[in-house]
Amino acid sequence: MISMLIICLFVLLMMTIFFAYKAYSFSILILNLESQIEDSLLILEERYESISKVLEKEIFFDSIEIRQVIADIKSSHSAIILIANKLTQNFEEENEVKEKIIESQEKD
């Protein structure tokens, strides 16, 4: 009876160690992904500023190709904003919820 209990405890201990390792591995993966997303957002922000400066300039050559390139730049400009908004949407919602919770706790 005691040996059965020891075996069960050993199995539970091994399972706990295994799941702790998996949770640690998953958390490292999430942290790396978050870092990569932050780096990507910084790059998108730099490109957005660069494209904004280009779009503010006057066009002196009235070629169809030049107009098409400018239209493509404007589309890329909009796409950068859309991508950045999609990547940060959940974070902004989480921050709003946290702020509401903090405000309700301060009122109490």
N, C-alpha and C. Protein backbone atom coordinates (compact mmCIF):
# COMPACT_ATOMS: atom_id res chain seq x y z
N MET A 1 0.82 -1.19 0.00
CA MET A 1 0.00 0.00 0.00
C MET A 1 0.87 1.27 0.00
N ILE A 2 1.89 1.28 0.84
CA ILE A 2 2.77 2.45 0.92
C ILE A 2 3.59 2.57 -0.37
N SER A 3 4.00 1.44 -0.92
CA SER A 3 4.77 1.48 -2.17
C SER A 3 3.92 2.03 -3.31
N MET A 4 2.64 1.72 -3.30
CA MET A 4 1.72 2.25 -4.32
C MET A 4 1.60 3.76 -4.19
N LEU A 5 1.53 4.23 -2.96
CA LEU A 5 1.44 5.66 -2.69
C LEU A 5 2.72 6.37 -3.14
N ILE A 6 3.87 5.75 -2.89
CA ILE A 6 5.14 6.33 -3.30
C ILE A 6 5.24 6.39 -4.82
N ILE A 7 4.77 5.36 -5.49
CA ILE A 7 4.78 5.35 -6.95
C ILE A 7 3.89 6.45 -7.50
N CYS A 8 2.71 6.61 -6.93
CA CYS A 8 1.79 7.67 -7.37
C CYS A 8 2.41 9.05 -7.15
N LEU A 9 3.03 9.26 -6.00
CA LEU A 9 3.67 10.54 -5.73
C LEU A 9 4.81 10.80 -6.70
N PHE A 10 5.57 9.77 -7.01
CA PHE A 10 6.68 9.91 -7.96
C PHE A 10 6.16 10.28 -9.34
N VAL A 11 5.10 9.61 -9.78
CA VAL A 11 4.51 9.91 -11.09
C VAL A 11 3.98 11.35 -11.11
N LEU A 12 3.30 11.76 -10.04
CA LEU A 12 2.79 13.13 -9.97
C LEU A 12 3.93 14.15 -9.98
N LEU A 13 5.01 13.83 -9.29
CA LEU A 13 6.17 14.71 -9.28
C LEU A 13 6.77 14.84 -10.67
N MET A 14 6.91 13.75 -11.38
CA MET A 14 7.46 13.77 -12.73
C MET A 14 6.54 14.55 -13.68
N MET A 15 5.24 14.36 -13.53
CA MET A 15 4.29 15.09 -14.38
C MET A 15 4.36 16.60 -14.09
N THR A 16 4.49 16.95 -12.81
CA THR A 16 4.60 18.36 -12.44
C THR A 16 5.86 18.99 -13.02
N ILE A 17 6.96 18.27 -12.95
CA ILE A 17 8.21 18.76 -13.52
C ILE A 17 8.08 18.92 -15.03
N PHE A 18 7.46 17.95 -15.69
CA PHE A 18 7.28 18.02 -17.14
C PHE A 18 6.42 19.22 -17.53
N PHE A 19 5.29 19.41 -16.84
CA PHE A 19 4.41 20.52 -17.18
C PHE A 19 5.04 21.87 -16.83
N ALA A 20 5.84 21.93 -15.78
CA ALA A 20 6.54 23.17 -15.45
C ALA A 20 7.54 23.50 -16.55
N TYR A 21 8.24 22.50 -17.06
CA TYR A 21 9.18 22.72 -18.16
C TYR A 21 8.44 23.22 -19.40
N LYS A 22 7.32 22.59 -19.72
CA LYS A 22 6.55 23.02 -20.90
C LYS A 22 6.02 24.45 -20.72
N ALA A 23 5.56 24.79 -19.52
CA ALA A 23 5.07 26.15 -19.27
C ALA A 23 6.21 27.16 -19.41
N TYR A 24 7.39 26.81 -18.92
CA TYR A 24 8.55 27.68 -19.05
C TYR A 24 8.92 27.86 -20.52
N SER A 25 8.94 26.78 -21.28
CA SER A 25 9.27 26.86 -22.71
C SER A 25 8.26 27.73 -23.45
N PHE A 26 6.99 27.56 -23.12
CA PHE A 26 5.95 28.35 -23.77
C PHE A 26 6.08 29.83 -23.40
N SER A 27 6.40 30.12 -22.15
CA SER A 27 6.55 31.53 -21.75
C SER A 27 7.73 32.18 -22.45
N ILE A 28 8.83 31.44 -22.63
CA ILE A 28 9.99 31.98 -23.36
C ILE A 28 9.60 32.26 -24.81
N LEU A 29 8.81 31.36 -25.40
CA LEU A 29 8.34 31.55 -26.78
C LEU A 29 7.50 32.82 -26.88
N ILE A 30 6.62 33.02 -25.94
CA ILE A 30 5.75 34.20 -25.94
C ILE A 30 6.58 35.48 -25.77
N LEU A 31 7.55 35.45 -24.87
CA LEU A 31 8.40 36.63 -24.67
C LEU A 31 9.21 36.96 -25.93
N ASN A 32 9.72 35.94 -26.61
CA ASN A 32 10.45 36.17 -27.86
C ASN A 32 9.54 36.75 -28.93
N LEU A 33 8.32 36.23 -29.01
CA LEU A 33 7.36 36.73 -29.99
C LEU A 33 7.01 38.18 -29.70
N GLU A 34 6.82 38.51 -28.42
CA GLU A 34 6.52 39.89 -28.05
C GLU A 34 7.66 40.82 -28.44
N SER A 35 8.88 40.39 -28.21
CA SER A 35 10.05 41.19 -28.58
C SER A 35 10.10 41.40 -30.09
N GLN A 36 9.83 40.37 -30.86
CA GLN A 36 9.85 40.49 -32.31
C GLN A 36 8.74 41.42 -32.80
N ILE A 37 7.58 41.36 -32.18
CA ILE A 37 6.48 42.26 -32.57
C ILE A 37 6.85 43.70 -32.26
N GLU A 38 7.46 43.95 -31.10
CA GLU A 38 7.88 45.30 -30.76
C GLU A 38 8.91 45.83 -31.76
N ASP A 39 9.87 44.98 -32.14
CA ASP A 39 10.86 45.38 -33.14
C ASP A 39 10.19 45.69 -34.47
N SER A 40 9.22 44.87 -34.85
CA SER A 40 8.50 45.09 -36.11
C SER A 40 7.73 46.40 -36.08
N LEU A 41 7.13 46.69 -34.94
CA LEU A 41 6.39 47.95 -34.82
C LEU A 41 7.31 49.16 -34.92
N LEU A 42 8.50 49.04 -34.37
CA LEU A 42 9.47 50.14 -34.49
C LEU A 42 9.86 50.35 -35.95
N ILE A 43 10.08 49.26 -36.67
CA ILE A 43 10.42 49.37 -38.09
C ILE A 43 9.26 49.98 -38.87
N LEU A 44 8.04 49.52 -38.58
CA LEU A 44 6.87 50.07 -39.26
C LEU A 44 6.72 51.56 -38.97
N GLU A 45 7.00 51.96 -37.75
CA GLU A 45 6.91 53.38 -37.40
C GLU A 45 7.93 54.20 -38.17
N GLU A 46 9.14 53.69 -38.30
CA GLU A 46 10.17 54.40 -39.08
C GLU A 46 9.76 54.52 -40.55
N ARG A 47 9.26 53.44 -41.12
CA ARG A 47 8.83 53.46 -42.52
C ARG A 47 7.65 54.41 -42.70
N TYR A 48 6.73 54.43 -41.73
CA TYR A 48 5.58 55.31 -41.79
C TYR A 48 6.02 56.77 -41.83
N GLU A 49 6.97 57.13 -40.97
CA GLU A 49 7.48 58.51 -40.96
C GLU A 49 8.18 58.84 -42.27
N SER A 50 8.96 57.91 -42.79
CA SER A 50 9.67 58.13 -44.05
C SER A 50 8.69 58.32 -45.20
N ILE A 51 7.69 57.48 -45.27
CA ILE A 51 6.69 57.59 -46.35
C ILE A 51 5.89 58.88 -46.20
N SER A 52 5.59 59.27 -44.96
CA SER A 52 4.86 60.52 -44.74
C SER A 52 5.63 61.71 -45.29
N LYS A 53 6.95 61.72 -45.09
CA LYS A 53 7.78 62.81 -45.61
C LYS A 53 7.76 62.83 -47.14
N VAL A 54 7.81 61.65 -47.76
CA VAL A 54 7.80 61.57 -49.22
C VAL A 54 6.46 62.05 -49.77
N LEU A 55 5.38 61.70 -49.12
CA LEU A 55 4.06 62.07 -49.61
C LEU A 55 3.78 63.56 -49.48
N GLU A 56 4.51 64.24 -48.61
CA GLU A 56 4.30 65.68 -48.44
C GLU A 56 4.93 66.49 -49.57
N LYS A 57 5.86 65.91 -50.30
CA LYS A 57 6.56 66.62 -51.36
C LYS A 57 5.70 66.73 -52.62
N GLU A 58 5.94 67.78 -53.37
CA GLU A 58 5.25 68.00 -54.64
C GLU A 58 5.82 67.07 -55.72
N ILE A 59 4.96 66.69 -56.67
CA ILE A 59 5.40 65.87 -57.80
C ILE A 59 5.64 66.81 -58.98
N PHE A 60 6.86 66.77 -59.53
CA PHE A 60 7.20 67.67 -60.63
C PHE A 60 7.18 66.97 -61.98
N PHE A 61 7.04 65.68 -61.99
CA PHE A 61 7.04 64.92 -63.24
C PHE A 61 5.66 64.29 -63.39
N ASP A 62 4.99 64.57 -64.49
CA ASP A 62 3.60 64.14 -64.65
C ASP A 62 3.50 62.87 -65.48
N SER A 63 4.21 61.84 -65.09
CA SER A 63 4.19 60.57 -65.80
C SER A 63 3.17 59.63 -65.15
N ILE A 64 2.59 58.77 -65.94
CA ILE A 64 1.64 57.78 -65.41
C ILE A 64 2.34 56.84 -64.44
N GLU A 65 3.57 56.48 -64.76
CA GLU A 65 4.32 55.57 -63.89
C GLU A 65 4.60 56.21 -62.54
N ILE A 66 4.96 57.49 -62.57
CA ILE A 66 5.23 58.20 -61.32
C ILE A 66 3.96 58.29 -60.49
N ARG A 67 2.85 58.61 -61.13
CA ARG A 67 1.56 58.67 -60.41
C ARG A 67 1.21 57.31 -59.82
N GLN A 68 1.51 56.24 -60.55
CA GLN A 68 1.21 54.89 -60.06
C GLN A 68 2.09 54.56 -58.85
N VAL A 69 3.36 54.96 -58.90
CA VAL A 69 4.26 54.72 -57.76
C VAL A 69 3.78 55.49 -56.54
N ILE A 70 3.35 56.72 -56.74
CA ILE A 70 2.83 57.52 -55.62
C ILE A 70 1.57 56.87 -55.06
N ALA A 71 0.72 56.35 -55.92
CA ALA A 71 -0.49 55.66 -55.45
C ALA A 71 -0.11 54.41 -54.65
N ASP A 72 0.92 53.69 -55.11
CA ASP A 72 1.38 52.51 -54.38
C ASP A 72 1.96 52.89 -53.02
N ILE A 73 2.67 54.00 -52.98
CA ILE A 73 3.22 54.47 -51.71
C ILE A 73 2.09 54.83 -50.75
N LYS A 74 1.06 55.49 -51.27
CA LYS A 74 -0.08 55.83 -50.41
C LYS A 74 -0.78 54.57 -49.90
N SER A 75 -0.90 53.55 -50.75
CA SER A 75 -1.50 52.29 -50.32
C SER A 75 -0.64 51.62 -49.24
N SER A 76 0.67 51.66 -49.44
CA SER A 76 1.59 51.08 -48.45
C SER A 76 1.50 51.86 -47.14
N HIS A 77 1.37 53.16 -47.25
CA HIS A 77 1.22 54.02 -46.08
C HIS A 77 0.00 53.60 -45.28
N SER A 78 -1.12 53.39 -45.94
CA SER A 78 -2.35 52.95 -45.27
C SER A 78 -2.19 51.55 -44.70
N ALA A 79 -1.49 50.69 -45.42
CA ALA A 79 -1.29 49.31 -44.95
C ALA A 79 -0.46 49.29 -43.68
N ILE A 80 0.55 50.16 -43.59
CA ILE A 80 1.37 50.22 -42.39
C ILE A 80 0.52 50.60 -41.18
N ILE A 81 -0.34 51.57 -41.36
CA ILE A 81 -1.23 51.98 -40.26
C ILE A 81 -2.14 50.83 -39.87
N LEU A 82 -2.71 50.15 -40.84
CA LEU A 82 -3.62 49.04 -40.58
C LEU A 82 -2.91 47.91 -39.82
N ILE A 83 -1.72 47.55 -40.26
CA ILE A 83 -0.96 46.48 -39.60
C ILE A 83 -0.62 46.86 -38.17
N ALA A 84 -0.15 48.07 -37.97
CA ALA A 84 0.20 48.51 -36.62
C ALA A 84 -1.03 48.51 -35.70
N ASN A 85 -2.16 48.96 -36.22
CA ASN A 85 -3.39 48.95 -35.42
C ASN A 85 -3.83 47.54 -35.07
N LYS A 86 -3.72 46.62 -36.01
CA LYS A 86 -4.10 45.23 -35.73
C LYS A 86 -3.18 44.59 -34.71
N LEU A 87 -1.89 44.90 -34.79
CA LEU A 87 -0.93 44.31 -33.85
C LEU A 87 -1.11 44.85 -32.44
N THR A 88 -1.54 46.09 -32.32
CA THR A 88 -1.66 46.70 -30.99
C THR A 88 -3.09 46.72 -30.47
N GLN A 89 -4.05 46.25 -31.22
CA GLN A 89 -5.45 46.33 -30.82
C GLN A 89 -5.72 45.61 -29.51
N ASN A 90 -5.28 44.37 -29.36
CA ASN A 90 -5.53 43.63 -28.14
C ASN A 90 -4.83 44.24 -26.94
N PHE A 91 -3.63 44.78 -27.15
CA PHE A 91 -2.90 45.39 -26.06
C PHE A 91 -3.62 46.64 -25.56
N GLU A 92 -4.17 47.41 -26.48
CA GLU A 92 -4.89 48.62 -26.10
C GLU A 92 -6.15 48.26 -25.33
N GLU A 93 -6.87 47.21 -25.77
CA GLU A 93 -8.08 46.79 -25.07
C GLU A 93 -7.75 46.30 -23.68
N GLU A 94 -6.66 45.54 -23.53
CA GLU A 94 -6.25 45.07 -22.22
C GLU A 94 -5.90 46.23 -21.31
N ASN A 95 -5.21 47.23 -21.85
CA ASN A 95 -4.84 48.40 -21.06
C ASN A 95 -6.07 49.17 -20.62
N GLU A 96 -7.08 49.28 -21.49
CA GLU A 96 -8.31 49.98 -21.13
C GLU A 96 -9.03 49.25 -20.01
N VAL A 97 -9.07 47.91 -20.09
CA VAL A 97 -9.73 47.13 -19.04
C VAL A 97 -8.99 47.30 -17.72
N LYS A 98 -7.66 47.25 -17.77
CA LYS A 98 -6.87 47.43 -16.54
C LYS A 98 -7.10 48.81 -15.94
N GLU A 99 -7.16 49.84 -16.80
CA GLU A 99 -7.39 51.19 -16.31
C GLU A 99 -8.77 51.31 -15.66
N LYS A 100 -9.78 50.68 -16.25
CA LYS A 100 -11.12 50.72 -15.66
C LYS A 100 -11.15 50.02 -14.31
N ILE A 101 -10.44 48.91 -14.20
CA ILE A 101 -10.38 48.19 -12.93
C ILE A 101 -9.70 49.05 -11.87
N ILE A 102 -8.61 49.70 -12.24
CA ILE A 102 -7.88 50.55 -11.30
C ILE A 102 -8.76 51.72 -10.87
N GLU A 103 -9.46 52.33 -11.82
CA GLU A 103 -10.34 53.45 -11.50
C GLU A 103 -11.46 53.02 -10.56
N SER A 104 -12.04 51.84 -10.80
CA SER A 104 -13.13 51.38 -9.93
C SER A 104 -12.61 51.05 -8.55
N GLN A 105 -11.37 50.56 -8.45
CA GLN A 105 -10.79 50.28 -7.14
C GLN A 105 -10.48 51.57 -6.38
N GLU A 106 -10.06 52.61 -7.11
CA GLU A 106 -9.76 53.88 -6.47
C GLU A 106 -11.03 54.55 -5.96
N LYS A 107 -12.15 54.35 -6.64
CA LYS A 107 -13.41 54.94 -6.22
C LYS A 107 -13.91 54.30 -4.93
N ASP A 108 -13.61 53.01 -4.78
CA ASP A 108 -14.06 52.30 -3.57
C ASP A 108 -13.20 52.70 -2.42
